[in-house]
Amino acid sequence: MFITFFKMNEFYLILAVSTVLMGMVFAGLAISILVKKNGRFPVTSIGRNKEMQKRGITCVKHDEMLCRGKPGNRTSCCG
């Protein structure tokens, strides 16, 4: 009986710690959105990232569309 009680207390302790940590992560993300310029994260999508475009890095999906010559090719693989 004591072992079962101890395991349940251990479960609730782990649950509480993980909930607090997840809350801190979400709060940190919310604060970073509020603090950053325009409230946006850096663009990581290749099709919309100006620095990657300057370096000639292209999206694989876009390259695939160009190679296959599918109708309705877009200039970007985003969207």
C-alpha atoms as a PDB file:
ATOM      1  CA  MET A   1       0.000   0.000   0.000  1.00  0.00           C
ATOM      2  CA  PHE A   2       2.801   2.410   0.890  1.00  0.00           C
ATOM      3  CA  ILE A   3       4.626   1.687  -2.378  1.00  0.00           C
ATOM      4  CA  THR A   4       1.518   2.495  -4.429  1.00  0.00           C
ATOM      5  CA  PHE A   5       1.028   5.735  -2.474  1.00  0.00           C
ATOM      6  CA  PHE A   6       4.686   6.670  -3.006  1.00  0.00           C
ATOM      7  CA  LYS A   7       4.433   5.996  -6.753  1.00  0.00           C
ATOM      8  CA  MET A   8       1.327   8.182  -7.023  1.00  0.00           C
ATOM      9  CA  ASN A   9       3.046  11.017  -5.153  1.00  0.00           C
ATOM     10  CA  GLU A  10       6.044  10.657  -7.446  1.00  0.00           C
ATOM     11  CA  PHE A  11       3.739  10.811 -10.478  1.00  0.00           C
ATOM     12  CA  TYR A  12       2.072  14.000  -9.236  1.00  0.00           C
ATOM     13  CA  LEU A  13       5.447  15.557  -8.475  1.00  0.00           C
ATOM     14  CA  ILE A  14       6.702  14.830 -11.993  1.00  0.00           C
ATOM     15  CA  LEU A  15       3.416  16.097 -13.439  1.00  0.00           C
ATOM     16  CA  ALA A  16       3.648  19.326 -11.425  1.00  0.00           C
ATOM     17  CA  VAL A  17       7.293  19.940 -12.357  1.00  0.00           C
ATOM     18  CA  SER A  18       6.642  19.311 -16.046  1.00  0.00           C
ATOM     19  CA  THR A  19       3.578  21.586 -15.986  1.00  0.00           C
ATOM     20  CA  VAL A  20       5.589  24.378 -14.388  1.00  0.00           C
ATOM     21  CA  LEU A  21       8.402  23.955 -16.907  1.00  0.00           C
ATOM     22  CA  MET A  22       5.967  24.015 -19.837  1.00  0.00           C
ATOM     23  CA  GLY A  23       4.365  27.151 -18.385  1.00  0.00           C
ATOM     24  CA  MET A  24       7.770  28.809 -18.179  1.00  0.00           C
ATOM     25  CA  VAL A  25       8.510  27.871 -21.799  1.00  0.00           C
ATOM     26  CA  PHE A  26       5.216  29.323 -23.041  1.00  0.00           C
ATOM     27  CA  ALA A  27       5.729  32.460 -20.958  1.00  0.00           C
ATOM     28  CA  GLY A  28       9.227  32.837 -22.407  1.00  0.00           C
ATOM     29  CA  LEU A  29       7.888  32.525 -25.941  1.00  0.00           C
ATOM     30  CA  ALA A  30       5.173  35.077 -25.231  1.00  0.00           C
ATOM     31  CA  ILE A  31       7.685  37.521 -23.757  1.00  0.00           C
ATOM     32  CA  SER A  32      10.042  37.061 -26.702  1.00  0.00           C
ATOM     33  CA  ILE A  33       7.192  37.830 -29.117  1.00  0.00           C
ATOM     34  CA  LEU A  34       6.364  40.987 -27.190  1.00  0.00           C
ATOM     35  CA  VAL A  35       9.992  42.134 -26.966  1.00  0.00           C
ATOM     36  CA  LYS A  36      11.047  41.441 -30.570  1.00  0.00           C
ATOM     37  CA  LYS A  37      10.656  44.041 -33.268  1.00  0.00           C
ATOM     38  CA  ASN A  38       7.144  43.895 -34.789  1.00  0.00           C
ATOM     39  CA  GLY A  39       6.424  40.864 -32.589  1.00  0.00           C
ATOM     40  CA  ARG A  40       7.650  38.461 -35.251  1.00  0.00           C
ATOM     41  CA  PHE A  41      10.219  35.734 -35.275  1.00  0.00           C
ATOM     42  CA  PRO A  42      12.947  35.657 -37.933  1.00  0.00           C
ATOM     43  CA  VAL A  43      11.857  34.230 -41.260  1.00  0.00           C
ATOM     44  CA  THR A  44      13.145  30.692 -41.578  1.00  0.00           C
ATOM     45  CA  SER A  45      11.275  29.723 -44.725  1.00  0.00           C
ATOM     46  CA  ILE A  46      13.700  29.658 -47.640  1.00  0.00           C
ATOM     47  CA  GLY A  47      11.245  31.167 -50.097  1.00  0.00           C
ATOM     48  CA  ARG A  48      10.710  34.285 -47.994  1.00  0.00           C
ATOM     49  CA  ASN A  49      14.113  34.726 -46.349  1.00  0.00           C
ATOM     50  CA  LYS A  50      16.016  37.587 -48.016  1.00  0.00           C
ATOM     51  CA  GLU A  51      19.440  36.458 -46.755  1.00  0.00           C
ATOM     52  CA  MET A  52      19.016  32.974 -48.188  1.00  0.00           C
ATOM     53  CA  GLN A  53      17.826  34.443 -51.485  1.00  0.00           C
ATOM     54  CA  LYS A  54      20.939  36.667 -51.623  1.00  0.00           C
ATOM     55  CA  ARG A  55      23.141  33.591 -51.178  1.00  0.00           C
ATOM     56  CA  GLY A  56      21.323  31.700 -53.927  1.00  0.00           C
ATOM     57  CA  ILE A  57      19.824  29.088 -51.614  1.00  0.00           C
ATOM     58  CA  THR A  58      16.542  27.831 -53.028  1.00  0.00           C
ATOM     59  CA  CYS A  59      13.763  25.626 -51.793  1.00  0.00           C
ATOM     60  CA  VAL A  60      13.925  21.999 -52.885  1.00  0.00           C
ATOM     61  CA  LYS A  61      10.184  21.952 -53.612  1.00  0.00           C
ATOM     62  CA  HIS A  62      10.579  24.961 -55.882  1.00  0.00           C
ATOM     63  CA  ASP A  63      13.478  23.312 -57.694  1.00  0.00           C
ATOM     64  CA  GLU A  64      11.384  20.175 -58.122  1.00  0.00           C
ATOM     65  CA  MET A  65       8.497  22.174 -59.598  1.00  0.00           C
ATOM     66  CA  LEU A  66      10.866  23.904 -62.020  1.00  0.00           C
ATOM     67  CA  CYS A  67      12.494  20.642 -63.115  1.00  0.00           C
ATOM     68  CA  ARG A  68       9.215  18.843 -63.689  1.00  0.00           C
ATOM     69  CA  GLY A  69       7.677  21.843 -65.447  1.00  0.00           C
ATOM     70  CA  LYS A  70       4.344  21.588 -63.694  1.00  0.00           C
ATOM     71  CA  PRO A  71       1.746  24.176 -64.667  1.00  0.00           C
ATOM     72  CA  GLY A  72       1.184  27.013 -62.215  1.00  0.00           C
ATOM     73  CA  ASN A  73       4.778  27.227 -61.019  1.00  0.00           C
ATOM     74  CA  ARG A  74       5.238  29.903 -58.444  1.00  0.00           C
ATOM     75  CA  THR A  75       8.294  32.004 -57.784  1.00  0.00           C
ATOM     76  CA  SER A  76       8.354  30.665 -54.237  1.00  0.00           C
ATOM     77  CA  CYS A  77       7.606  27.350 -52.601  1.00  0.00           C
ATOM     78  CA  CYS A  78       5.938  29.069 -49.676  1.00  0.00           C
ATOM     79  CA  GLY A  79       2.230  29.235 -49.228  1.00  0.00           C
END
